[in-house]
Amino acid sequence: MLGALAVPVLSATGASAAPVATVATALPTSNCPSLRPLPYEVRTKALTIRSKATTKSTAVGELYRSHKFTVYKKSGNWLYITDRTTGAKGWVSGTYVYRYVRMCLS
């Protein structure tokens, strides 16, 4: 659950009145660091899983658009993953994947 920012609102009741600050009520916030990281997702038609972090290495599997997965480590623009559907482990190019992000307000 995301929190809301409390922003003071100034109001005046006539030219001689001093401004009165009113603070909006903040929504409850959650502790974001305690939440699980959000998944990565394939944003191209198909993405090859490779045995090494290079395009010249052997293909060990393939992921398709909208497939979500977890990244275990990174090397430059390459991401080491395990495909839970097939069990294939290997490297994919970070160029064709996106990660969902969460913004926490406190």
Protein backbone atom coordinates (compact mmCIF):
# COMPACT_ATOMS: atom_id res chain seq x y z
CA MET A 1 0.00 0.00 0.00
CA LEU A 2 1.38 3.39 -0.88
CA GLY A 3 1.29 6.36 1.45
CA ALA A 4 0.26 9.87 0.55
CA LEU A 5 2.17 13.07 1.01
CA ALA A 6 0.80 15.58 3.48
CA VAL A 7 0.74 18.95 1.74
CA PRO A 8 -0.16 22.11 3.65
CA VAL A 9 -3.02 24.07 2.14
CA LEU A 10 -3.16 27.81 2.73
CA SER A 11 -6.44 29.65 2.93
CA ALA A 12 -7.38 33.24 3.76
CA THR A 13 -10.72 34.82 4.65
CA GLY A 14 -10.24 38.40 3.56
CA ALA A 15 -7.38 40.79 3.00
CA SER A 16 -6.65 41.40 6.70
CA ALA A 17 -6.76 37.77 7.85
CA ALA A 18 -3.53 35.81 8.34
CA PRO A 19 -3.13 32.58 6.31
CA VAL A 20 -4.15 29.43 8.16
CA ALA A 21 -2.30 26.19 7.39
CA THR A 22 -4.37 23.02 7.14
CA VAL A 23 -2.57 19.68 6.83
CA ALA A 24 -4.14 16.88 4.78
CA THR A 25 -4.43 13.52 6.53
CA ALA A 26 -1.79 11.03 5.41
CA LEU A 27 -2.79 7.51 4.43
CA PRO A 28 -1.14 4.62 6.29
CA THR A 29 2.20 3.63 4.80
CA SER A 30 3.92 0.29 4.63
CA ASN A 31 7.55 -0.53 5.16
CA CYS A 32 8.70 -0.99 1.52
CA PRO A 33 12.07 -2.61 2.23
CA SER A 34 10.21 -5.53 3.84
CA LEU A 35 8.24 -6.21 0.62
CA ARG A 36 9.44 -8.75 -1.95
CA PRO A 37 11.16 -7.34 -5.05
CA LEU A 38 8.92 -7.03 -8.08
CA PRO A 39 9.54 -9.33 -11.06
CA TYR A 40 11.17 -8.65 -14.40
CA GLU A 41 9.10 -9.12 -17.57
CA VAL A 42 9.97 -9.90 -21.20
CA ARG A 43 8.99 -7.00 -23.50
CA THR A 44 9.81 -8.51 -26.88
CA LYS A 45 8.24 -11.32 -28.91
CA ALA A 46 10.81 -13.89 -27.76
CA LEU A 47 14.03 -13.84 -25.73
CA THR A 48 16.73 -16.52 -25.81
CA ILE A 49 18.19 -17.91 -22.57
CA ARG A 50 21.92 -18.54 -23.11
CA SER A 51 24.53 -20.64 -21.30
CA LYS A 52 26.92 -17.65 -20.99
CA ALA A 53 26.52 -13.88 -21.01
CA THR A 54 27.23 -13.52 -24.73
CA THR A 55 25.20 -13.79 -27.93
CA LYS A 56 27.68 -16.38 -29.27
CA SER A 57 26.94 -18.91 -26.49
CA THR A 58 24.61 -21.91 -26.69
CA ALA A 59 20.86 -21.32 -26.40
CA VAL A 60 19.35 -23.27 -23.48
CA GLY A 61 15.77 -22.00 -23.62
CA GLU A 62 13.42 -19.26 -24.69
CA LEU A 63 11.07 -16.82 -22.95
CA TYR A 64 8.08 -15.14 -24.56
CA ARG A 65 6.38 -11.74 -24.22
CA SER A 66 4.94 -10.98 -20.76
CA HIS A 67 6.79 -13.89 -19.11
CA LYS A 68 7.78 -12.85 -15.58
CA PHE A 69 10.96 -14.07 -13.90
CA THR A 70 13.41 -13.38 -11.09
CA VAL A 71 17.00 -12.27 -11.63
CA TYR A 72 19.69 -13.84 -9.44
CA LYS A 73 22.74 -11.90 -10.60
CA LYS A 74 23.87 -9.39 -13.22
CA SER A 75 26.94 -9.05 -15.42
CA GLY A 76 26.99 -5.84 -17.43
CA ASN A 77 23.72 -5.82 -19.39
CA TRP A 78 23.17 -9.57 -18.91
CA LEU A 79 20.88 -11.11 -16.27
CA TYR A 80 21.19 -14.63 -14.83
CA ILE A 81 17.76 -16.21 -14.39
CA THR A 82 15.94 -19.47 -13.77
CA ASP A 83 12.77 -20.07 -15.76
CA ARG A 84 10.38 -21.61 -13.24
CA THR A 85 8.18 -23.04 -15.99
CA THR A 86 10.88 -25.12 -17.71
CA GLY A 87 13.69 -25.08 -15.14
CA ALA A 88 16.13 -23.61 -17.68
CA LYS A 89 18.95 -21.60 -16.07
CA GLY A 90 21.00 -19.09 -17.97
CA TRP A 91 21.62 -15.55 -19.15
CA VAL A 92 19.29 -13.15 -20.95
CA SER A 93 20.01 -9.72 -22.39
CA GLY A 94 18.76 -6.89 -20.19
CA THR A 95 17.96 -4.87 -23.30
CA TYR A 96 14.66 -6.67 -23.84
CA VAL A 97 13.32 -6.91 -20.29
CA TYR A 98 11.78 -4.44 -17.88
CA ARG A 99 11.38 -4.50 -14.15
CA TYR A 100 8.30 -3.39 -12.32
CA VAL A 101 9.10 -0.73 -9.76
CA ARG A 102 7.43 0.27 -6.54
CA MET A 103 7.53 3.79 -5.11
CA CYS A 104 7.28 3.99 -1.33
CA LEU A 105 6.29 7.17 0.40
CA SER A 106 7.10 7.64 4.04
